[in-house]
Amino acid sequence: MAPLSIEMSLKTKRLANFPIGRFAPMISLCVLVVSLISMPVFAQQTNFVASLSGKTLSPPVSTAATGIAKFNLGPNGNIAYEIDGKNIKGIIGAHISLQNGTDLAQVFNPYVEINGKSEIPTGEVNGQLSKGVITANDLSGPLSGKNVTDLITLMKNNSAYVVVRTQAHENGEIQGVITPSQGVITPSTGTQKQGI
């Protein structure tokens, strides 16, 4: 029994002489990297974008008009948005909808007045069409009475669209599916404004 205890005592002594303190920072870093790699990602998708054209409508619309819509989920749970258009005129409204056209939220007020006078339909727009913030109170259709997170779920699943309607195309002249964006998109926030 003595030789076995001597052998164990030598192994313990070798471990005690191992300069582990010198390698502790490296070991800690490796453990941290491995835990971060294996940890599931719980980060909330916060940026979304939609490229707008006549091609994505059904049936497609032949138009020179294009646009881009940017959305950002803020820390307060509301969605800031900004919609820019190019070569589009006679705008009578814009909304977020399902593919079948069911309205989910207005993103352009069709009753806007500037200097006490109605400016709908718009003249030609080459720049900002609309910007604002979507709250739970702005949701309509199947999302009425629900939370903004329900709209975010549709955006994550590529199930929500931006549609811009004009006098010439009352059902929509340009449209685009809202998709998650990996880039940082930060539309201006604040009160809703209309650019015309």
N, C-alpha and C. Protein backbone atom coordinates (compact mmCIF):
# COMPACT_ATOMS: atom_id res chain seq x y z
N MET A 1 0.82 -1.19 0.00
CA MET A 1 0.00 0.00 0.00
C MET A 1 0.86 1.25 0.00
N ALA A 2 2.04 1.13 0.55
CA ALA A 2 2.91 2.30 0.61
C ALA A 2 3.29 2.80 -0.78
N PRO A 3 3.66 1.90 -1.77
CA PRO A 3 4.05 2.42 -3.08
C PRO A 3 2.93 3.21 -3.76
N LEU A 4 1.68 2.81 -3.58
CA LEU A 4 0.56 3.51 -4.20
C LEU A 4 0.42 4.92 -3.62
N SER A 5 0.54 5.06 -2.31
CA SER A 5 0.41 6.37 -1.69
C SER A 5 1.58 7.27 -2.07
N ILE A 6 2.78 6.68 -2.28
CA ILE A 6 3.94 7.46 -2.72
C ILE A 6 3.69 7.97 -4.14
N GLU A 7 3.13 7.10 -5.01
CA GLU A 7 2.84 7.50 -6.39
C GLU A 7 1.81 8.64 -6.42
N MET A 8 0.75 8.55 -5.63
CA MET A 8 -0.26 9.60 -5.58
C MET A 8 0.33 10.88 -5.02
N SER A 9 1.20 10.75 -4.05
CA SER A 9 1.83 11.92 -3.47
C SER A 9 2.71 12.62 -4.50
N LEU A 10 3.40 11.87 -5.38
CA LEU A 10 4.22 12.48 -6.43
C LEU A 10 3.35 13.21 -7.45
N LYS A 11 2.19 12.62 -7.84
CA LYS A 11 1.28 13.28 -8.79
C LYS A 11 0.75 14.58 -8.20
N THR A 12 0.39 14.55 -6.93
CA THR A 12 -0.12 15.74 -6.26
C THR A 12 0.96 16.81 -6.20
N LYS A 13 2.18 16.38 -5.96
CA LYS A 13 3.29 17.33 -5.87
C LYS A 13 3.56 17.97 -7.23
N ARG A 14 3.48 17.17 -8.32
CA ARG A 14 3.69 17.71 -9.67
C ARG A 14 2.62 18.74 -10.01
N LEU A 15 1.37 18.45 -9.63
CA LEU A 15 0.28 19.39 -9.88
C LEU A 15 0.47 20.67 -9.08
N ALA A 16 0.97 20.53 -7.86
CA ALA A 16 1.18 21.70 -7.01
C ALA A 16 2.27 22.59 -7.58
N ASN A 17 3.24 22.00 -8.27
CA ASN A 17 4.33 22.77 -8.86
C ASN A 17 3.97 23.36 -10.23
N PHE A 18 2.83 22.95 -10.81
CA PHE A 18 2.42 23.46 -12.12
C PHE A 18 2.02 24.93 -11.98
N PRO A 19 2.60 25.80 -12.77
CA PRO A 19 2.34 27.24 -12.61
C PRO A 19 0.99 27.65 -13.22
N ILE A 20 -0.09 27.19 -12.63
CA ILE A 20 -1.44 27.46 -13.17
C ILE A 20 -1.77 28.95 -13.13
N GLY A 21 -1.24 29.66 -12.17
CA GLY A 21 -1.51 31.10 -12.07
C GLY A 21 -1.10 31.85 -13.33
N ARG A 22 -0.06 31.36 -13.96
CA ARG A 22 0.44 32.02 -15.17
C ARG A 22 -0.53 31.84 -16.34
N PHE A 23 -1.29 30.73 -16.35
CA PHE A 23 -2.21 30.43 -17.45
C PHE A 23 -3.67 30.77 -17.12
N ALA A 24 -3.95 31.23 -15.92
CA ALA A 24 -5.33 31.50 -15.50
C ALA A 24 -6.05 32.49 -16.42
N PRO A 25 -5.43 33.60 -16.82
CA PRO A 25 -6.15 34.52 -17.71
C PRO A 25 -6.51 33.86 -19.06
N MET A 26 -5.60 33.05 -19.59
CA MET A 26 -5.86 32.37 -20.86
C MET A 26 -6.98 31.35 -20.72
N ILE A 27 -6.98 30.62 -19.63
CA ILE A 27 -8.02 29.62 -19.38
C ILE A 27 -9.37 30.31 -19.22
N SER A 28 -9.39 31.42 -18.47
CA SER A 28 -10.64 32.16 -18.27
C SER A 28 -11.19 32.67 -19.60
N LEU A 29 -10.32 33.17 -20.46
CA LEU A 29 -10.74 33.67 -21.77
C LEU A 29 -11.33 32.54 -22.61
N CYS A 30 -10.68 31.38 -22.59
CA CYS A 30 -11.19 30.23 -23.36
C CYS A 30 -12.57 29.80 -22.86
N VAL A 31 -12.76 29.76 -21.55
CA VAL A 31 -14.05 29.38 -20.98
C VAL A 31 -15.11 30.39 -21.39
N LEU A 32 -14.79 31.68 -21.37
CA LEU A 32 -15.73 32.73 -21.77
C LEU A 32 -16.11 32.59 -23.24
N VAL A 33 -15.15 32.39 -24.12
CA VAL A 33 -15.43 32.25 -25.55
C VAL A 33 -16.31 31.04 -25.81
N VAL A 34 -15.99 29.91 -25.19
CA VAL A 34 -16.79 28.70 -25.39
C VAL A 34 -18.22 28.93 -24.90
N SER A 35 -18.40 29.59 -23.76
CA SER A 35 -19.75 29.81 -23.24
C SER A 35 -20.52 30.78 -24.13
N LEU A 36 -19.87 31.78 -24.69
CA LEU A 36 -20.56 32.71 -25.58
C LEU A 36 -20.96 32.04 -26.89
N ILE A 37 -20.12 31.18 -27.40
CA ILE A 37 -20.43 30.49 -28.65
C ILE A 37 -21.60 29.54 -28.46
N SER A 38 -21.64 28.86 -27.34
CA SER A 38 -22.69 27.87 -27.12
C SER A 38 -23.97 28.48 -26.57
N MET A 39 -23.93 29.74 -26.14
CA MET A 39 -25.11 30.39 -25.58
C MET A 39 -26.09 30.75 -26.69
N PRO A 40 -27.38 30.44 -26.53
CA PRO A 40 -28.35 30.82 -27.54
C PRO A 40 -28.47 32.34 -27.60
N VAL A 41 -28.77 32.82 -28.78
CA VAL A 41 -28.88 34.26 -28.97
C VAL A 41 -30.30 34.70 -28.65
N PHE A 42 -30.43 35.57 -27.67
CA PHE A 42 -31.74 36.07 -27.28
C PHE A 42 -31.94 37.51 -27.72
N ALA A 43 -31.03 38.05 -28.48
CA ALA A 43 -31.12 39.45 -28.89
C ALA A 43 -32.37 39.69 -29.73
N GLN A 44 -33.04 40.78 -29.46
CA GLN A 44 -34.26 41.16 -30.17
C GLN A 44 -33.86 41.82 -31.50
N GLN A 45 -34.48 41.37 -32.60
CA GLN A 45 -34.26 42.01 -33.89
C GLN A 45 -34.88 43.41 -33.81
N THR A 46 -34.10 44.43 -34.12
CA THR A 46 -34.61 45.79 -33.97
C THR A 46 -34.69 46.58 -35.27
N ASN A 47 -34.04 46.14 -36.33
CA ASN A 47 -34.02 46.90 -37.58
C ASN A 47 -34.67 46.13 -38.71
N PHE A 48 -35.47 46.85 -39.50
CA PHE A 48 -36.19 46.24 -40.61
C PHE A 48 -36.17 47.21 -41.78
N VAL A 49 -36.30 46.66 -42.99
CA VAL A 49 -36.29 47.50 -44.19
C VAL A 49 -37.20 46.88 -45.24
N ALA A 50 -37.74 47.73 -46.11
CA ALA A 50 -38.54 47.26 -47.25
C ALA A 50 -38.16 48.09 -48.46
N SER A 51 -37.79 47.43 -49.56
CA SER A 51 -37.53 48.10 -50.84
C SER A 51 -38.84 48.10 -51.61
N LEU A 52 -39.28 49.28 -52.03
CA LEU A 52 -40.59 49.44 -52.64
C LEU A 52 -40.49 49.61 -54.15
N SER A 53 -41.31 48.85 -54.87
CA SER A 53 -41.39 48.99 -56.32
C SER A 53 -42.75 48.48 -56.77
N GLY A 54 -43.05 48.68 -58.05
CA GLY A 54 -44.31 48.19 -58.60
C GLY A 54 -44.28 46.71 -58.92
N LYS A 55 -43.10 46.12 -58.99
CA LYS A 55 -42.93 44.72 -59.39
C LYS A 55 -43.51 43.74 -58.40
N THR A 56 -43.54 44.11 -57.11
CA THR A 56 -43.96 43.16 -56.07
C THR A 56 -45.47 43.15 -55.85
N LEU A 57 -46.19 44.02 -56.54
CA LEU A 57 -47.65 44.02 -56.42
C LEU A 57 -48.23 42.91 -57.29
N SER A 58 -49.46 42.52 -56.98
CA SER A 58 -50.11 41.49 -57.77
C SER A 58 -51.46 42.02 -58.25
N PRO A 59 -51.61 42.29 -59.55
CA PRO A 59 -50.61 42.16 -60.60
C PRO A 59 -49.56 43.27 -60.50
N PRO A 60 -48.38 43.04 -61.08
CA PRO A 60 -47.32 44.05 -61.04
C PRO A 60 -47.77 45.36 -61.70
N VAL A 61 -47.25 46.48 -61.18
CA VAL A 61 -47.56 47.79 -61.72
C VAL A 61 -46.32 48.30 -62.44
N SER A 62 -46.52 48.76 -63.68
CA SER A 62 -45.42 49.34 -64.44
C SER A 62 -45.29 50.81 -64.04
N THR A 63 -44.24 51.13 -63.29
CA THR A 63 -44.03 52.49 -62.79
C THR A 63 -42.55 52.75 -62.60
N ALA A 64 -42.17 54.03 -62.74
CA ALA A 64 -40.79 54.44 -62.47
C ALA A 64 -40.60 54.72 -60.98
N ALA A 65 -41.68 54.71 -60.23
CA ALA A 65 -41.62 55.02 -58.80
C ALA A 65 -40.93 53.90 -58.02
N THR A 66 -40.14 54.30 -57.04
CA THR A 66 -39.47 53.37 -56.12
C THR A 66 -39.49 53.99 -54.73
N GLY A 67 -39.07 53.24 -53.77
CA GLY A 67 -38.99 53.78 -52.42
C GLY A 67 -38.30 52.83 -51.48
N ILE A 68 -38.06 53.31 -50.29
CA ILE A 68 -37.48 52.48 -49.23
C ILE A 68 -38.14 52.87 -47.91
N ALA A 69 -38.46 51.87 -47.12
CA ALA A 69 -39.04 52.09 -45.80
C ALA A 69 -38.10 51.49 -44.76
N LYS A 70 -37.81 52.25 -43.72
CA LYS A 70 -36.92 51.80 -42.65
C LYS A 70 -37.69 51.80 -41.33
N PHE A 71 -37.46 50.77 -40.54
CA PHE A 71 -38.14 50.63 -39.26
C PHE A 71 -37.12 50.28 -38.19
N ASN A 72 -37.32 50.83 -36.98
CA ASN A 72 -36.44 50.53 -35.86
C ASN A 72 -37.27 50.39 -34.60
N LEU A 73 -37.14 49.24 -33.94
CA LEU A 73 -37.82 49.00 -32.67
C LEU A 73 -37.05 49.72 -31.57
N GLY A 74 -37.70 50.67 -30.91
CA GLY A 74 -37.05 51.45 -29.87
C GLY A 74 -37.11 50.75 -28.52
N PRO A 75 -36.34 51.23 -27.55
CA PRO A 75 -36.30 50.62 -26.23
C PRO A 75 -37.65 50.73 -25.50
N ASN A 76 -38.50 51.67 -25.93
CA ASN A 76 -39.80 51.84 -25.30
C ASN A 76 -40.86 50.91 -25.91
N GLY A 77 -40.46 50.07 -26.89
CA GLY A 77 -41.38 49.12 -27.49
C GLY A 77 -42.16 49.65 -28.67
N ASN A 78 -41.93 50.90 -29.06
CA ASN A 78 -42.58 51.48 -30.24
C ASN A 78 -41.66 51.37 -31.45
N ILE A 79 -42.23 51.54 -32.65
CA ILE A 79 -41.45 51.41 -33.88
C ILE A 79 -41.35 52.76 -34.56
N ALA A 80 -40.12 53.28 -34.68
CA ALA A 80 -39.89 54.49 -35.47
C ALA A 80 -39.77 54.07 -36.93
N TYR A 81 -40.31 54.89 -37.82
CA TYR A 81 -40.23 54.57 -39.25
C TYR A 81 -39.96 55.81 -40.07
N GLU A 82 -39.43 55.57 -41.24
CA GLU A 82 -39.20 56.62 -42.23
C GLU A 82 -39.38 56.00 -43.61
N ILE A 83 -40.17 56.66 -44.44
CA ILE A 83 -40.41 56.16 -45.80
C ILE A 83 -39.98 57.23 -46.78
N ASP A 84 -39.12 56.85 -47.72
CA ASP A 84 -38.67 57.75 -48.78
C ASP A 84 -39.18 57.22 -50.11
N GLY A 85 -39.54 58.13 -50.99
CA GLY A 85 -40.01 57.75 -52.31
C GLY A 85 -39.27 58.51 -53.39
N LYS A 86 -39.33 57.98 -54.60
CA LYS A 86 -38.69 58.62 -55.74
C LYS A 86 -39.61 58.45 -56.95
N ASN A 87 -39.80 59.54 -57.69
CA ASN A 87 -40.61 59.53 -58.91
C ASN A 87 -42.04 59.06 -58.67
N ILE A 88 -42.62 59.47 -57.55
CA ILE A 88 -44.00 59.06 -57.25
C ILE A 88 -44.83 60.31 -56.97
N LYS A 89 -46.03 60.35 -57.51
CA LYS A 89 -46.88 61.52 -57.31
C LYS A 89 -48.32 61.09 -57.11
N GLY A 90 -49.11 62.01 -56.59
CA GLY A 90 -50.52 61.73 -56.36
C GLY A 90 -50.75 60.74 -55.24
N ILE A 91 -49.91 60.77 -54.22
CA ILE A 91 -50.03 59.81 -53.11
C ILE A 91 -51.28 60.13 -52.30
N ILE A 92 -52.07 59.10 -52.06
CA ILE A 92 -53.28 59.25 -51.27
C ILE A 92 -53.21 58.47 -49.95
N GLY A 93 -52.20 57.67 -49.78
CA GLY A 93 -52.05 56.93 -48.53
C GLY A 93 -50.94 55.91 -48.58
N ALA A 94 -50.53 55.45 -47.42
CA ALA A 94 -49.54 54.37 -47.31
C ALA A 94 -49.82 53.64 -46.01
N HIS A 95 -49.65 52.34 -46.05
CA HIS A 95 -49.91 51.55 -44.86
C HIS A 95 -49.06 50.29 -44.84
N ILE A 96 -49.01 49.68 -43.67
CA ILE A 96 -48.41 48.37 -43.51
C ILE A 96 -49.58 47.39 -43.60
N SER A 97 -49.40 46.33 -44.38
CA SER A 97 -50.49 45.38 -44.56
C SER A 97 -49.96 43.96 -44.66
N LEU A 98 -50.89 43.02 -44.64
CA LEU A 98 -50.58 41.64 -44.98
C LEU A 98 -50.54 41.55 -46.50
N GLN A 99 -50.06 40.44 -47.04
CA GLN A 99 -49.97 40.29 -48.49
C GLN A 99 -51.33 40.40 -49.17
N ASN A 100 -52.38 40.00 -48.49
CA ASN A 100 -53.72 40.07 -49.08
C ASN A 100 -54.32 41.47 -49.03
N GLY A 101 -53.57 42.45 -48.50
CA GLY A 101 -54.04 43.84 -48.47
C GLY A 101 -54.70 44.24 -47.16
N THR A 102 -54.83 43.34 -46.20
CA THR A 102 -55.43 43.68 -44.92
C THR A 102 -54.55 44.69 -44.19
N ASP A 103 -55.13 45.83 -43.87
CA ASP A 103 -54.41 46.94 -43.24
C ASP A 103 -54.02 46.59 -41.81
N LEU A 104 -52.74 46.86 -41.46
CA LEU A 104 -52.24 46.63 -40.10
C LEU A 104 -51.91 47.94 -39.38
N ALA A 105 -51.47 48.96 -40.12
CA ALA A 105 -51.14 50.27 -39.54
C ALA A 105 -50.94 51.28 -40.66
N GLN A 106 -51.45 52.50 -40.45
CA GLN A 106 -51.23 53.60 -41.41
C GLN A 106 -49.84 54.18 -41.18
N VAL A 107 -49.13 54.48 -42.26
CA VAL A 107 -47.83 55.14 -42.15
C VAL A 107 -47.79 56.41 -42.99
N PHE A 108 -48.96 56.85 -43.42
CA PHE A 108 -49.11 58.13 -44.12
C PHE A 108 -50.54 58.57 -43.88
N ASN A 109 -50.70 59.71 -43.26
CA ASN A 109 -52.03 60.19 -42.93
C ASN A 109 -52.72 60.76 -44.16
N PRO A 110 -53.80 60.12 -44.65
CA PRO A 110 -54.46 60.61 -45.85
C PRO A 110 -55.25 61.89 -45.62
N TYR A 111 -55.32 62.35 -44.37
CA TYR A 111 -56.09 63.57 -44.08
C TYR A 111 -55.20 64.72 -43.62
N VAL A 112 -53.91 64.65 -43.94
CA VAL A 112 -52.97 65.67 -43.50
C VAL A 112 -53.36 67.04 -44.08
N GLU A 113 -53.18 68.06 -43.26
CA GLU A 113 -53.40 69.43 -43.71
C GLU A 113 -52.15 70.23 -43.44
N ILE A 114 -51.75 71.03 -44.41
CA ILE A 114 -50.60 71.91 -44.25
C ILE A 114 -51.09 73.32 -44.50
N ASN A 115 -50.83 74.21 -43.54
CA ASN A 115 -51.32 75.58 -43.60
C ASN A 115 -52.83 75.63 -43.78
N GLY A 116 -53.53 74.72 -43.09
CA GLY A 116 -54.99 74.71 -43.14
C GLY A 116 -55.59 74.20 -44.43
N LYS A 117 -54.77 73.66 -45.30
CA LYS A 117 -55.26 73.21 -46.60
C LYS A 117 -54.84 71.76 -46.83
N SER A 118 -55.74 70.96 -47.37
CA SER A 118 -55.44 69.56 -47.64
C SER A 118 -54.37 69.46 -48.72
N GLU A 119 -53.40 68.63 -48.48
CA GLU A 119 -52.31 68.42 -49.44
C GLU A 119 -52.36 67.02 -50.03
N ILE A 120 -53.51 66.39 -49.96
CA ILE A 120 -53.68 65.05 -50.52
C ILE A 120 -54.57 65.19 -51.73
N PRO A 121 -54.22 64.65 -52.86
CA PRO A 121 -53.00 63.89 -53.13
C PRO A 121 -51.77 64.79 -53.21
N THR A 122 -50.62 64.18 -53.08
CA THR A 122 -49.37 64.94 -53.09
C THR A 122 -48.95 65.28 -54.52
N GLY A 123 -48.05 66.24 -54.61
CA GLY A 123 -47.35 66.45 -55.86
C GLY A 123 -46.30 65.36 -55.98
N GLU A 124 -45.34 65.52 -56.90
CA GLU A 124 -44.29 64.49 -57.04
C GLU A 124 -43.40 64.48 -55.81
N VAL A 125 -43.07 63.29 -55.33
CA VAL A 125 -42.21 63.11 -54.16
C VAL A 125 -40.90 62.49 -54.60
N ASN A 126 -39.81 63.16 -54.24
CA ASN A 126 -38.46 62.65 -54.44
C ASN A 126 -37.70 62.89 -53.14
N GLY A 127 -37.96 62.07 -52.15
CA GLY A 127 -37.37 62.26 -50.83
C GLY A 127 -38.29 61.68 -49.79
N GLN A 128 -38.25 62.30 -48.62
CA GLN A 128 -39.04 61.77 -47.51
C GLN A 128 -40.54 61.90 -47.79
N LEU A 129 -41.21 60.78 -47.69
CA LEU A 129 -42.66 60.73 -47.86
C LEU A 129 -43.35 60.82 -46.51
N SER A 130 -42.80 60.11 -45.52
CA SER A 130 -43.44 60.06 -44.21
C SER A 130 -42.46 59.57 -43.17
N LYS A 131 -42.66 60.02 -41.93
CA LYS A 131 -41.91 59.47 -40.81
C LYS A 131 -42.76 59.61 -39.57
N GLY A 132 -42.50 58.77 -38.61
CA GLY A 132 -43.27 58.82 -37.38
C GLY A 132 -42.95 57.65 -36.48
N VAL A 133 -43.86 57.38 -35.56
CA VAL A 133 -43.70 56.31 -34.59
C VAL A 133 -45.00 55.51 -34.53
N ILE A 134 -44.88 54.20 -34.61
CA ILE A 134 -46.03 53.31 -34.50
C ILE A 134 -46.11 52.82 -33.06
N THR A 135 -47.27 53.06 -32.43
CA THR A 135 -47.53 52.56 -31.09
C THR A 135 -48.67 51.54 -31.18
N ALA A 136 -48.99 50.91 -30.08
CA ALA A 136 -50.09 49.94 -30.05
C ALA A 136 -51.40 50.59 -30.48
N ASN A 137 -51.59 51.88 -30.19
CA ASN A 137 -52.81 52.59 -30.58
C ASN A 137 -52.96 52.75 -32.08
N ASP A 138 -51.85 52.64 -32.83
CA ASP A 138 -51.88 52.82 -34.29
C ASP A 138 -52.20 51.53 -35.04
N LEU A 139 -52.23 50.41 -34.34
CA LEU A 139 -52.46 49.13 -35.01
C LEU A 139 -53.93 48.98 -35.36
N SER A 140 -54.19 48.33 -36.51
CA SER A 140 -55.57 48.13 -36.95
C SER A 140 -55.75 46.73 -37.51
N GLY A 141 -56.96 46.46 -37.98
CA GLY A 141 -57.25 45.15 -38.55
C GLY A 141 -57.05 44.05 -37.53
N PRO A 142 -56.41 42.94 -37.92
CA PRO A 142 -56.22 41.82 -36.99
C PRO A 142 -55.30 42.15 -35.81
N LEU A 143 -54.56 43.27 -35.89
CA LEU A 143 -53.67 43.65 -34.79
C LEU A 143 -54.32 44.65 -33.84
N SER A 144 -55.53 45.09 -34.13
CA SER A 144 -56.23 46.05 -33.28
C SER A 144 -56.35 45.49 -31.87
N GLY A 145 -55.93 46.31 -30.88
CA GLY A 145 -55.98 45.89 -29.49
C GLY A 145 -54.80 45.03 -29.06
N LYS A 146 -53.86 44.79 -29.97
CA LYS A 146 -52.69 43.97 -29.64
C LYS A 146 -51.47 44.86 -29.43
N ASN A 147 -50.32 44.25 -29.24
CA ASN A 147 -49.08 44.98 -28.97
C ASN A 147 -48.24 45.12 -30.23
N VAL A 148 -47.32 46.08 -30.18
CA VAL A 148 -46.39 46.29 -31.29
C VAL A 148 -45.56 45.04 -31.55
N THR A 149 -45.33 44.23 -30.50
CA THR A 149 -44.55 43.01 -30.67
C THR A 149 -45.23 42.05 -31.65
N ASP A 150 -46.56 42.12 -31.75
CA ASP A 150 -47.27 41.27 -32.73
C ASP A 150 -46.94 41.70 -34.15
N LEU A 151 -46.80 43.01 -34.37
CA LEU A 151 -46.38 43.51 -35.69
C LEU A 151 -44.93 43.12 -35.96
N ILE A 152 -44.08 43.21 -34.95
CA ILE A 152 -42.67 42.81 -35.10
C ILE A 152 -42.58 41.34 -35.50
N THR A 153 -43.41 40.50 -34.92
CA THR A 153 -43.41 39.07 -35.28
C THR A 153 -43.72 38.90 -36.76
N LEU A 154 -44.70 39.63 -37.29
CA LEU A 154 -45.02 39.56 -38.71
C LEU A 154 -43.85 40.05 -39.57
N MET A 155 -43.17 41.11 -39.11
CA MET A 155 -42.00 41.63 -39.84
C MET A 155 -40.88 40.60 -39.87
N LYS A 156 -40.64 39.93 -38.74
CA LYS A 156 -39.58 38.92 -38.67
C LYS A 156 -39.88 37.75 -39.61
N ASN A 157 -41.16 37.46 -39.80
CA ASN A 157 -41.56 36.33 -40.65
C ASN A 157 -41.77 36.72 -42.11
N ASN A 158 -41.39 37.95 -42.48
CA ASN A 158 -41.58 38.45 -43.86
C ASN A 158 -43.05 38.40 -44.27
N SER A 159 -43.96 38.68 -43.33
CA SER A 159 -45.39 38.62 -43.59
C SER A 159 -46.04 39.99 -43.67
N ALA A 160 -45.28 41.06 -43.44
CA ALA A 160 -45.83 42.42 -43.47
C ALA A 160 -45.24 43.19 -44.66
N TYR A 161 -46.07 44.02 -45.27
CA TYR A 161 -45.68 44.78 -46.46
C TYR A 161 -45.94 46.26 -46.24
N VAL A 162 -45.19 47.09 -46.93
CA VAL A 162 -45.50 48.52 -47.01
C VAL A 162 -46.10 48.74 -48.39
N VAL A 163 -47.25 49.41 -48.44
CA VAL A 163 -47.93 49.70 -49.70
C VAL A 163 -48.16 51.20 -49.77
N VAL A 164 -47.76 51.81 -50.89
CA VAL A 164 -48.01 53.23 -51.12
C VAL A 164 -49.04 53.34 -52.23
N ARG A 165 -50.18 53.97 -51.90
CA ARG A 165 -51.29 54.11 -52.85
C ARG A 165 -51.28 55.50 -53.48
N THR A 166 -51.65 55.57 -54.75
CA THR A 166 -51.70 56.84 -55.46
C THR A 166 -53.03 56.98 -56.18
N GLN A 167 -53.29 58.18 -56.72
CA GLN A 167 -54.50 58.40 -57.50
C GLN A 167 -54.55 57.45 -58.68
N ALA A 168 -53.41 57.26 -59.33
CA ALA A 168 -53.36 56.40 -60.52
C ALA A 168 -53.50 54.92 -60.17
N HIS A 169 -53.08 54.54 -58.96
CA HIS A 169 -53.11 53.13 -58.54
C HIS A 169 -53.61 53.08 -57.10
N GLU A 170 -54.93 53.12 -56.94
CA GLU A 170 -55.54 53.21 -55.61
C GLU A 170 -55.28 51.99 -54.73
N ASN A 171 -55.00 50.84 -55.32
CA ASN A 171 -54.69 49.65 -54.53
C ASN A 171 -53.20 49.53 -54.22
N GLY A 172 -52.41 50.40 -54.80
CA GLY A 172 -50.97 50.40 -54.55
C GLY A 172 -50.18 50.60 -55.82
N GLU A 173 -49.25 51.56 -55.78
CA GLU A 173 -48.35 51.77 -56.92
C GLU A 173 -47.00 51.14 -56.66
N ILE A 174 -46.55 51.21 -55.40
CA ILE A 174 -45.31 50.53 -55.03
C ILE A 174 -45.53 49.79 -53.72
N GLN A 175 -44.81 48.71 -53.57
CA GLN A 175 -44.96 47.85 -52.40
C GLN A 175 -43.64 47.12 -52.15
N GLY A 176 -43.43 46.71 -50.91
CA GLY A 176 -42.26 45.90 -50.58
C GLY A 176 -42.48 45.15 -49.29
N VAL A 177 -41.92 43.95 -49.22
CA VAL A 177 -42.01 43.14 -48.00
C VAL A 177 -41.02 43.69 -46.98
N ILE A 178 -41.44 43.75 -45.73
CA ILE A 178 -40.59 44.22 -44.64
C ILE A 178 -39.77 43.03 -44.16
N THR A 179 -38.44 43.19 -44.17
CA THR A 179 -37.55 42.11 -43.78
C THR A 179 -36.57 42.58 -42.71
N PRO A 180 -36.09 41.67 -41.88
CA PRO A 180 -35.06 42.04 -40.90
C PRO A 180 -33.81 42.54 -41.63
N SER A 181 -33.18 43.54 -41.04
CA SER A 181 -31.97 44.11 -41.62
C SER A 181 -30.82 43.90 -40.65
N GLN A 182 -29.68 43.47 -41.17
CA GLN A 182 -28.50 43.28 -40.33
C GLN A 182 -27.80 44.59 -40.05
N GLY A 183 -27.98 45.57 -40.94
CA GLY A 183 -27.34 46.87 -40.76
C GLY A 183 -28.07 47.69 -39.72
N VAL A 184 -27.45 48.79 -39.33
CA VAL A 184 -28.07 49.69 -38.38
C VAL A 184 -28.92 50.67 -39.16
N ILE A 185 -30.22 50.64 -38.90
CA ILE A 185 -31.15 51.55 -39.55
C ILE A 185 -31.77 52.38 -38.45
N THR A 186 -31.57 53.67 -38.49
CA THR A 186 -32.13 54.50 -37.45
C THR A 186 -32.94 55.63 -38.06
N PRO A 187 -34.21 55.37 -38.34
CA PRO A 187 -35.04 56.46 -38.82
C PRO A 187 -35.19 57.49 -37.72
N SER A 188 -35.46 58.72 -38.14
CA SER A 188 -35.68 59.79 -37.17
C SER A 188 -36.89 59.44 -36.32
N THR A 189 -36.85 59.83 -35.07
CA THR A 189 -37.99 59.58 -34.22
C THR A 189 -38.65 60.90 -33.87
N GLY A 190 -39.81 60.80 -33.32
CA GLY A 190 -40.51 62.01 -32.93
C GLY A 190 -41.94 61.97 -33.37
N THR A 191 -42.57 63.12 -33.44
CA THR A 191 -43.96 63.16 -33.82
C THR A 191 -44.08 62.89 -35.32
N GLN A 192 -45.24 62.40 -35.69
CA GLN A 192 -45.44 62.04 -37.10
C GLN A 192 -45.43 63.30 -37.94
N LYS A 193 -44.70 63.24 -39.03
CA LYS A 193 -44.64 64.33 -39.98
C LYS A 193 -44.86 63.76 -41.35
N GLN A 194 -45.34 64.55 -42.24
CA GLN A 194 -45.55 64.14 -43.62
C GLN A 194 -44.67 64.98 -44.52
N GLY A 195 -43.92 64.34 -45.38
CA GLY A 195 -43.11 65.08 -46.35
C GLY A 195 -43.79 65.05 -47.69
N ILE A 196 -44.04 66.20 -48.27
CA ILE A 196 -44.68 66.22 -49.59
C ILE A 196 -44.02 67.24 -50.48
